[in-house]
Amino acid sequence: MLEALIFDVDGTLADTEQVHLAAFNHAFAQEGMGWHWDLPLYTRLLEISGGKERMLHWWREVQPDLQELSGGAVQAVIDRLHEVKTAYYEQAVADGAVNLRPGVLPLMDQARRQGLQLAIATTTSPVNIAALLRKAIGEDWRLNFLAIGDASNAPMKKPHPQVYLKVLADMQRTAAQCLAFEDSSNGLKAAMAAGLATVITPNDFTAHHDFQGALRVVPDLGHVSVAQLRDWHARARISD
């Protein structure tokens, strides 16, 4: 029986990547890195989960002989870039640059009314989650979620299933009792590795991904009801 819904954040709850891209480029310019990511490049780099990991991957692409120095100088630069980037992103979200995707809030409200639990499983930082959901739901947004897995408590990035396994443990639920919602192939792989049936809502950055194994692929959640989710979940359990 379906008891809980587990949501990814970036790209799933909201189309955040354009703002993240602007935030990265702002940080690069402010810190004098001489880097600029355009849309095609950023789309490719999104295959690397995690902002810090993405920047370090790019640095090694443009400087293959990059070596960490004593005292962690390279990591210190990455940390500083991420700090500047996060501050820019927070302000952009507060200014209304990001909205939840169609159907997300109505589906969450309907799920809670029908007794389903909600959770978050993401590779992004707690600060980014809070910035988005505080704006979209309100100051008490945290009360809507039984468990939250993020970069601070599940550091192994998707496609590793760590964040989903943590959330399932925190919720005291089995994978068979839950549905996951993702937008990317890395997210799908992570959810499936944790045993979760997964609904995919692609976006402009992930429409080209391979979603083989997904329970359903739908444009967004605007026409998805809890009744449909229960039916899809039940059919998935029967076919297992």
C-alpha atoms as a PDB file:
ATOM      1  CA  MET A   1       0.000   0.000   0.000  1.00  0.00           C
ATOM      2  CA  LEU A   2       1.246   3.490  -0.862  1.00  0.00           C
ATOM      3  CA  GLU A   3       2.142   5.428   2.285  1.00  0.00           C
ATOM      4  CA  ALA A   4       4.636   8.117   1.279  1.00  0.00           C
ATOM      5  CA  LEU A   5       5.872  10.328  -1.567  1.00  0.00           C
ATOM      6  CA  ILE A   6       9.559  11.256  -1.803  1.00  0.00           C
ATOM      7  CA  PHE A   7      10.532  14.281  -3.918  1.00  0.00           C
ATOM      8  CA  ASP A   8      13.775  15.395  -5.479  1.00  0.00           C
ATOM      9  CA  VAL A   9      14.168  19.197  -5.456  1.00  0.00           C
ATOM     10  CA  ASP A  10      16.110  20.828  -8.323  1.00  0.00           C
ATOM     11  CA  GLY A  11      14.295  20.231 -11.593  1.00  0.00           C
ATOM     12  CA  THR A  12      11.547  18.192  -9.930  1.00  0.00           C
ATOM     13  CA  LEU A  13       9.854  20.505  -7.458  1.00  0.00           C
ATOM     14  CA  ALA A  14      10.918  23.584  -9.414  1.00  0.00           C
ATOM     15  CA  ASP A  15      12.739  24.575 -12.595  1.00  0.00           C
ATOM     16  CA  THR A  16      15.748  25.918 -10.729  1.00  0.00           C
ATOM     17  CA  GLU A  17      18.606  25.217 -13.115  1.00  0.00           C
ATOM     18  CA  GLN A  18      18.525  28.507 -15.025  1.00  0.00           C
ATOM     19  CA  VAL A  19      18.921  30.353 -11.732  1.00  0.00           C
ATOM     20  CA  HIS A  20      21.621  27.959 -10.542  1.00  0.00           C
ATOM     21  CA  LEU A  21      23.479  28.585 -13.820  1.00  0.00           C
ATOM     22  CA  ALA A  22      23.289  32.353 -13.345  1.00  0.00           C
ATOM     23  CA  ALA A  23      24.512  31.886  -9.766  1.00  0.00           C
ATOM     24  CA  PHE A  24      27.517  29.819 -10.844  1.00  0.00           C
ATOM     25  CA  ASN A  25      28.505  32.387 -13.469  1.00  0.00           C
ATOM     26  CA  HIS A  26      28.094  35.195 -10.940  1.00  0.00           C
ATOM     27  CA  ALA A  27      30.447  33.390  -8.559  1.00  0.00           C
ATOM     28  CA  PHE A  28      33.000  32.740 -11.299  1.00  0.00           C
ATOM     29  CA  ALA A  29      33.018  36.412 -12.270  1.00  0.00           C
ATOM     30  CA  GLN A  30      33.165  37.718  -8.697  1.00  0.00           C
ATOM     31  CA  GLU A  31      36.040  35.426  -7.773  1.00  0.00           C
ATOM     32  CA  GLY A  32      37.974  36.097 -10.992  1.00  0.00           C
ATOM     33  CA  MET A  33      37.998  32.516 -12.252  1.00  0.00           C
ATOM     34  CA  GLY A  34      37.673  33.426 -15.934  1.00  0.00           C
ATOM     35  CA  TRP A  35      35.029  30.739 -16.424  1.00  0.00           C
ATOM     36  CA  HIS A  36      31.595  31.054 -18.015  1.00  0.00           C
ATOM     37  CA  TRP A  37      29.139  28.199 -18.465  1.00  0.00           C
ATOM     38  CA  ASP A  38      26.667  28.476 -21.344  1.00  0.00           C
ATOM     39  CA  LEU A  39      23.487  26.406 -21.590  1.00  0.00           C
ATOM     40  CA  PRO A  40      24.899  23.484 -23.621  1.00  0.00           C
ATOM     41  CA  LEU A  41      27.924  23.192 -21.331  1.00  0.00           C
ATOM     42  CA  TYR A  42      25.831  23.408 -18.174  1.00  0.00           C
ATOM     43  CA  THR A  43      23.414  20.816 -19.513  1.00  0.00           C
ATOM     44  CA  ARG A  44      26.345  18.443 -19.918  1.00  0.00           C
ATOM     45  CA  LEU A  45      27.802  19.294 -16.529  1.00  0.00           C
ATOM     46  CA  LEU A  46      24.489  18.479 -14.853  1.00  0.00           C
ATOM     47  CA  GLU A  47      25.456  14.849 -15.346  1.00  0.00           C
ATOM     48  CA  ILE A  48      27.711  15.514 -12.337  1.00  0.00           C
ATOM     49  CA  SER A  49      25.547  15.649  -9.208  1.00  0.00           C
ATOM     50  CA  GLY A  50      26.362  18.336  -6.655  1.00  0.00           C
ATOM     51  CA  GLY A  51      27.483  21.922  -7.209  1.00  0.00           C
ATOM     52  CA  LYS A  52      30.914  21.574  -5.623  1.00  0.00           C
ATOM     53  CA  GLU A  53      31.529  18.320  -7.460  1.00  0.00           C
ATOM     54  CA  ARG A  54      30.445  19.952 -10.729  1.00  0.00           C
ATOM     55  CA  MET A  55      32.862  22.857 -10.327  1.00  0.00           C
ATOM     56  CA  LEU A  56      35.762  20.599  -9.413  1.00  0.00           C
ATOM     57  CA  HIS A  57      35.003  18.364 -12.399  1.00  0.00           C
ATOM     58  CA  TRP A  58      35.083  21.413 -14.700  1.00  0.00           C
ATOM     59  CA  TRP A  59      38.295  22.735 -13.161  1.00  0.00           C
ATOM     60  CA  ARG A  60      39.955  19.388 -13.891  1.00  0.00           C
ATOM     61  CA  GLU A  61      38.638  19.499 -17.462  1.00  0.00           C
ATOM     62  CA  VAL A  62      40.195  22.893 -18.169  1.00  0.00           C
ATOM     63  CA  GLN A  63      43.305  22.168 -16.082  1.00  0.00           C
ATOM     64  CA  PRO A  64      44.063  18.430 -16.317  1.00  0.00           C
ATOM     65  CA  ASP A  65      47.205  18.758 -14.202  1.00  0.00           C
ATOM     66  CA  LEU A  66      45.277  20.298 -11.285  1.00  0.00           C
ATOM     67  CA  GLN A  67      46.641  19.046  -7.967  1.00  0.00           C
ATOM     68  CA  GLU A  68      45.418  19.724  -4.465  1.00  0.00           C
ATOM     69  CA  LEU A  69      47.999  21.750  -2.568  1.00  0.00           C
ATOM     70  CA  SER A  70      48.953  21.423   1.066  1.00  0.00           C
ATOM     71  CA  GLY A  71      46.332  23.044   3.226  1.00  0.00           C
ATOM     72  CA  GLY A  72      43.526  22.223   0.795  1.00  0.00           C
ATOM     73  CA  ALA A  73      43.816  25.340  -1.379  1.00  0.00           C
ATOM     74  CA  VAL A  74      41.819  23.900  -4.286  1.00  0.00           C
ATOM     75  CA  GLN A  75      38.975  22.822  -2.023  1.00  0.00           C
ATOM     76  CA  ALA A  76      39.053  26.203  -0.320  1.00  0.00           C
ATOM     77  CA  VAL A  77      38.475  27.905  -3.692  1.00  0.00           C
ATOM     78  CA  ILE A  78      35.618  25.516  -4.480  1.00  0.00           C
ATOM     79  CA  ASP A  79      34.074  26.175  -1.079  1.00  0.00           C
ATOM     80  CA  ARG A  80      34.324  29.938  -1.580  1.00  0.00           C
ATOM     81  CA  LEU A  81      32.779  29.739  -5.058  1.00  0.00           C
ATOM     82  CA  HIS A  82      29.927  27.660  -3.683  1.00  0.00           C
ATOM     83  CA  GLU A  83      29.356  30.131  -0.857  1.00  0.00           C
ATOM     84  CA  VAL A  84      29.082  33.065  -3.288  1.00  0.00           C
ATOM     85  CA  LYS A  85      26.916  31.034  -5.646  1.00  0.00           C
ATOM     86  CA  THR A  86      24.551  29.984  -2.860  1.00  0.00           C
ATOM     87  CA  ALA A  87      24.108  33.551  -1.612  1.00  0.00           C
ATOM     88  CA  TYR A  88      23.203  34.688  -5.142  1.00  0.00           C
ATOM     89  CA  TYR A  89      20.749  31.797  -5.541  1.00  0.00           C
ATOM     90  CA  GLU A  90      19.075  32.485  -2.195  1.00  0.00           C
ATOM     91  CA  GLN A  91      18.531  36.122  -3.095  1.00  0.00           C
ATOM     92  CA  ALA A  92      17.200  35.253  -6.553  1.00  0.00           C
ATOM     93  CA  VAL A  93      14.684  32.820  -5.054  1.00  0.00           C
ATOM     94  CA  ALA A  94      13.642  35.390  -2.439  1.00  0.00           C
ATOM     95  CA  ASP A  95      13.109  37.873  -5.288  1.00  0.00           C
ATOM     96  CA  GLY A  96      10.711  35.443  -6.996  1.00  0.00           C
ATOM     97  CA  ALA A  97      12.967  34.078  -9.732  1.00  0.00           C
ATOM     98  CA  VAL A  98      11.839  30.478  -9.114  1.00  0.00           C
ATOM     99  CA  ASN A  99       8.380  28.952  -8.813  1.00  0.00           C
ATOM    100  CA  LEU A 100       7.279  25.399  -8.115  1.00  0.00           C
ATOM    101  CA  ARG A 101       6.424  23.342 -11.194  1.00  0.00           C
ATOM    102  CA  PRO A 102       2.769  22.827 -12.194  1.00  0.00           C
ATOM    103  CA  GLY A 103       0.803  20.528  -9.925  1.00  0.00           C
ATOM    104  CA  VAL A 104       3.442  20.161  -7.199  1.00  0.00           C
ATOM    105  CA  LEU A 105       1.664  21.998  -4.374  1.00  0.00           C
ATOM    106  CA  PRO A 106      -1.850  20.691  -5.193  1.00  0.00           C
ATOM    107  CA  LEU A 107      -0.537  17.126  -5.271  1.00  0.00           C
ATOM    108  CA  MET A 108       1.278  17.581  -1.963  1.00  0.00           C
ATOM    109  CA  ASP A 109      -1.845  19.073  -0.370  1.00  0.00           C
ATOM    110  CA  GLN A 110      -4.018  16.255  -1.697  1.00  0.00           C
ATOM    111  CA  ALA A 111      -1.530  13.638  -0.498  1.00  0.00           C
ATOM    112  CA  ARG A 112      -1.461  15.046   3.036  1.00  0.00           C
ATOM    113  CA  ARG A 113      -5.263  15.214   3.183  1.00  0.00           C
ATOM    114  CA  GLN A 114      -5.378  11.534   2.239  1.00  0.00           C
ATOM    115  CA  GLY A 115      -2.899  10.528   4.914  1.00  0.00           C
ATOM    116  CA  LEU A 116       0.261  10.129   2.844  1.00  0.00           C
ATOM    117  CA  GLN A 117       3.591  11.239   4.263  1.00  0.00           C
ATOM    118  CA  LEU A 118       5.945  13.524   2.314  1.00  0.00           C
ATOM    119  CA  ALA A 119       9.730  13.525   2.205  1.00  0.00           C
ATOM    120  CA  ILE A 120      12.619  15.106   0.290  1.00  0.00           C
ATOM    121  CA  ALA A 121      15.656  13.313  -1.150  1.00  0.00           C
ATOM    122  CA  THR A 122      18.096  15.634  -2.897  1.00  0.00           C
ATOM    123  CA  THR A 123      21.801  16.228  -3.446  1.00  0.00           C
ATOM    124  CA  THR A 124      21.409  19.985  -2.958  1.00  0.00           C
ATOM    125  CA  SER A 125      22.255  21.873   0.224  1.00  0.00           C
ATOM    126  CA  PRO A 126      19.845  22.549   3.118  1.00  0.00           C
ATOM    127  CA  VAL A 127      20.172  26.285   2.424  1.00  0.00           C
ATOM    128  CA  ASN A 128      18.916  25.878  -1.147  1.00  0.00           C
ATOM    129  CA  ILE A 129      15.999  23.708  -0.037  1.00  0.00           C
ATOM    130  CA  ALA A 130      14.980  26.194   2.616  1.00  0.00           C
ATOM    131  CA  ALA A 131      15.236  29.161   0.239  1.00  0.00           C
ATOM    132  CA  LEU A 132      12.929  27.504  -2.284  1.00  0.00           C
ATOM    133  CA  LEU A 133      10.318  26.040   0.062  1.00  0.00           C
ATOM    134  CA  ARG A 134      10.193  28.998   2.440  1.00  0.00           C
ATOM    135  CA  LYS A 135       9.220  31.138  -0.526  1.00  0.00           C
ATOM    136  CA  ALA A 136       6.778  28.593  -1.983  1.00  0.00           C
ATOM    137  CA  ILE A 137       5.120  27.203   1.150  1.00  0.00           C
ATOM    138  CA  GLY A 138       5.911  29.560   4.035  1.00  0.00           C
ATOM    139  CA  GLU A 139       8.124  29.802   7.096  1.00  0.00           C
ATOM    140  CA  ASP A 140       6.754  26.537   8.522  1.00  0.00           C
ATOM    141  CA  TRP A 141       7.487  24.569   5.333  1.00  0.00           C
ATOM    142  CA  ARG A 142       9.544  21.993   7.252  1.00  0.00           C
ATOM    143  CA  LEU A 143       6.412  20.729   9.036  1.00  0.00           C
ATOM    144  CA  ASN A 144       5.125  19.310   5.746  1.00  0.00           C
ATOM    145  CA  PHE A 145       7.908  16.716   5.480  1.00  0.00           C
ATOM    146  CA  LEU A 146       8.475  13.680   7.653  1.00  0.00           C
ATOM    147  CA  ALA A 147      12.110  13.366   6.512  1.00  0.00           C
ATOM    148  CA  ILE A 148      14.629  15.375   4.509  1.00  0.00           C
ATOM    149  CA  GLY A 149      17.755  13.897   2.958  1.00  0.00           C
ATOM    150  CA  ASP A 150      20.229  16.396   1.497  1.00  0.00           C
ATOM    151  CA  ALA A 151      23.914  17.085   0.890  1.00  0.00           C
ATOM    152  CA  SER A 152      24.550  17.603   4.603  1.00  0.00           C
ATOM    153  CA  ASN A 153      23.313  14.230   5.812  1.00  0.00           C
ATOM    154  CA  ALA A 154      23.733  12.073   2.692  1.00  0.00           C
ATOM    155  CA  PRO A 155      26.985  13.269   1.069  1.00  0.00           C
ATOM    156  CA  MET A 156      27.263  10.487  -1.521  1.00  0.00           C
ATOM    157  CA  LYS A 157      25.678  12.008  -4.610  1.00  0.00           C
ATOM    158  CA  LYS A 158      23.134  10.468  -6.940  1.00  0.00           C
ATOM    159  CA  PRO A 159      23.223   8.031  -8.758  1.00  0.00           C
ATOM    160  CA  HIS A 160      24.342   6.524  -5.445  1.00  0.00           C
ATOM    161  CA  PRO A 161      21.184   5.601  -3.489  1.00  0.00           C
ATOM    162  CA  GLN A 162      22.460   6.862  -0.105  1.00  0.00           C
ATOM    163  CA  VAL A 163      20.024   9.766   0.173  1.00  0.00           C
ATOM    164  CA  TYR A 164      17.016   7.558  -0.592  1.00  0.00           C
ATOM    165  CA  LEU A 165      18.148   4.854   1.810  1.00  0.00           C
ATOM    166  CA  LYS A 166      18.561   7.472   4.538  1.00  0.00           C
ATOM    167  CA  VAL A 167      15.116   8.938   3.923  1.00  0.00           C
ATOM    168  CA  LEU A 168      13.476   5.512   3.965  1.00  0.00           C
ATOM    169  CA  ALA A 169      15.215   4.728   7.253  1.00  0.00           C
ATOM    170  CA  ASP A 170      14.249   8.080   8.771  1.00  0.00           C
ATOM    171  CA  MET A 171      10.620   7.592   7.696  1.00  0.00           C
ATOM    172  CA  GLN A 172      10.631   3.990   8.917  1.00  0.00           C
ATOM    173  CA  ARG A 173       9.114   2.943   5.599  1.00  0.00           C
ATOM    174  CA  THR A 174      10.078   0.312   3.054  1.00  0.00           C
ATOM    175  CA  ALA A 175      10.669   1.137  -0.594  1.00  0.00           C
ATOM    176  CA  ALA A 176       7.541  -0.852  -1.447  1.00  0.00           C
ATOM    177  CA  GLN A 177       5.450   1.649   0.542  1.00  0.00           C
ATOM    178  CA  CYS A 178       6.729   4.731  -1.292  1.00  0.00           C
ATOM    179  CA  LEU A 179       6.955   6.495  -4.650  1.00  0.00           C
ATOM    180  CA  ALA A 180       9.851   8.706  -5.720  1.00  0.00           C
ATOM    181  CA  PHE A 181       9.670  11.746  -8.004  1.00  0.00           C
ATOM    182  CA  GLU A 182      12.683  12.684 -10.124  1.00  0.00           C
ATOM    183  CA  ASP A 183      13.624  14.620 -13.245  1.00  0.00           C
ATOM    184  CA  SER A 184      16.994  13.140 -14.238  1.00  0.00           C
ATOM    185  CA  SER A 185      18.637   9.848 -15.111  1.00  0.00           C
ATOM    186  CA  ASN A 186      20.985  10.092 -12.119  1.00  0.00           C
ATOM    187  CA  GLY A 187      17.999  10.623  -9.847  1.00  0.00           C
ATOM    188  CA  LEU A 188      16.148   7.707 -11.400  1.00  0.00           C
ATOM    189  CA  LYS A 189      19.157   5.435 -10.973  1.00  0.00           C
ATOM    190  CA  ALA A 190      19.475   6.424  -7.320  1.00  0.00           C
ATOM    191  CA  ALA A 191      15.804   5.836  -6.586  1.00  0.00           C
ATOM    192  CA  MET A 192      15.714   2.525  -8.428  1.00  0.00           C
ATOM    193  CA  ALA A 193      18.868   1.345  -6.643  1.00  0.00           C
ATOM    194  CA  ALA A 194      16.999   1.952  -3.388  1.00  0.00           C
ATOM    195  CA  GLY A 195      14.109  -0.154  -4.701  1.00  0.00           C
ATOM    196  CA  LEU A 196      11.722   2.738  -5.344  1.00  0.00           C
ATOM    197  CA  ALA A 197       9.187   2.947  -8.137  1.00  0.00           C
ATOM    198  CA  THR A 198       9.785   6.364  -9.687  1.00  0.00           C
ATOM    199  CA  VAL A 199       7.705   8.947 -11.534  1.00  0.00           C
ATOM    200  CA  ILE A 200       9.744  11.181 -13.845  1.00  0.00           C
ATOM    201  CA  THR A 201       8.887  14.766 -14.780  1.00  0.00           C
ATOM    202  CA  PRO A 202      11.605  15.849 -17.263  1.00  0.00           C
ATOM    203  CA  ASN A 203      12.564  19.447 -17.927  1.00  0.00           C
ATOM    204  CA  ASP A 204      14.516  21.277 -20.615  1.00  0.00           C
ATOM    205  CA  PHE A 205      17.823  20.170 -19.100  1.00  0.00           C
ATOM    206  CA  THR A 206      16.923  16.473 -18.761  1.00  0.00           C
ATOM    207  CA  ALA A 207      14.492  15.710 -21.597  1.00  0.00           C
ATOM    208  CA  HIS A 208      17.275  13.889 -23.470  1.00  0.00           C
ATOM    209  CA  HIS A 209      18.065  11.542 -20.554  1.00  0.00           C
ATOM    210  CA  ASP A 210      17.412   7.801 -20.583  1.00  0.00           C
ATOM    211  CA  PHE A 211      14.480   7.033 -18.287  1.00  0.00           C
ATOM    212  CA  GLN A 212      14.308   3.310 -18.844  1.00  0.00           C
ATOM    213  CA  GLY A 213      12.844   1.644 -15.763  1.00  0.00           C
ATOM    214  CA  ALA A 214      10.723   4.597 -14.655  1.00  0.00           C
ATOM    215  CA  LEU A 215       7.218   3.829 -13.445  1.00  0.00           C
ATOM    216  CA  ARG A 216       5.821   6.732 -15.494  1.00  0.00           C
ATOM    217  CA  VAL A 217       7.240   9.683 -17.443  1.00  0.00           C
ATOM    218  CA  VAL A 218       4.870  12.668 -17.448  1.00  0.00           C
ATOM    219  CA  PRO A 219       5.430  16.295 -18.522  1.00  0.00           C
ATOM    220  CA  ASP A 220       4.615  17.593 -15.036  1.00  0.00           C
ATOM    221  CA  LEU A 221       2.319  16.858 -12.100  1.00  0.00           C
ATOM    222  CA  GLY A 222      -0.446  19.201 -13.237  1.00  0.00           C
ATOM    223  CA  HIS A 223      -2.828  16.386 -14.146  1.00  0.00           C
ATOM    224  CA  VAL A 224      -1.616  13.752 -11.696  1.00  0.00           C
ATOM    225  CA  SER A 225      -3.829  12.805  -8.738  1.00  0.00           C
ATOM    226  CA  VAL A 226      -3.220  10.705  -5.663  1.00  0.00           C
ATOM    227  CA  ALA A 227      -5.725   8.196  -7.052  1.00  0.00           C
ATOM    228  CA  GLN A 228      -3.552   7.799 -10.150  1.00  0.00           C
ATOM    229  CA  LEU A 229      -0.439   7.418  -8.038  1.00  0.00           C
ATOM    230  CA  ARG A 230      -2.097   4.716  -5.962  1.00  0.00           C
ATOM    231  CA  ASP A 231      -3.105   2.888  -9.137  1.00  0.00           C
ATOM    232  CA  TRP A 232       0.364   3.149 -10.709  1.00  0.00           C
ATOM    233  CA  HIS A 233       1.969   2.038  -7.453  1.00  0.00           C
ATOM    234  CA  ALA A 234      -0.353  -0.942  -7.098  1.00  0.00           C
ATOM    235  CA  ARG A 235       0.304  -2.033 -10.682  1.00  0.00           C
ATOM    236  CA  ALA A 236       4.068  -1.751 -10.110  1.00  0.00           C
ATOM    237  CA  ARG A 237       3.832  -3.930  -7.008  1.00  0.00           C
ATOM    238  CA  ILE A 238       1.814  -6.573  -8.892  1.00  0.00           C
ATOM    239  CA  SER A 239       4.329  -6.679 -11.744  1.00  0.00           C
ATOM    240  CA  ASP A 240       7.345  -7.032  -9.412  1.00  0.00           C
END
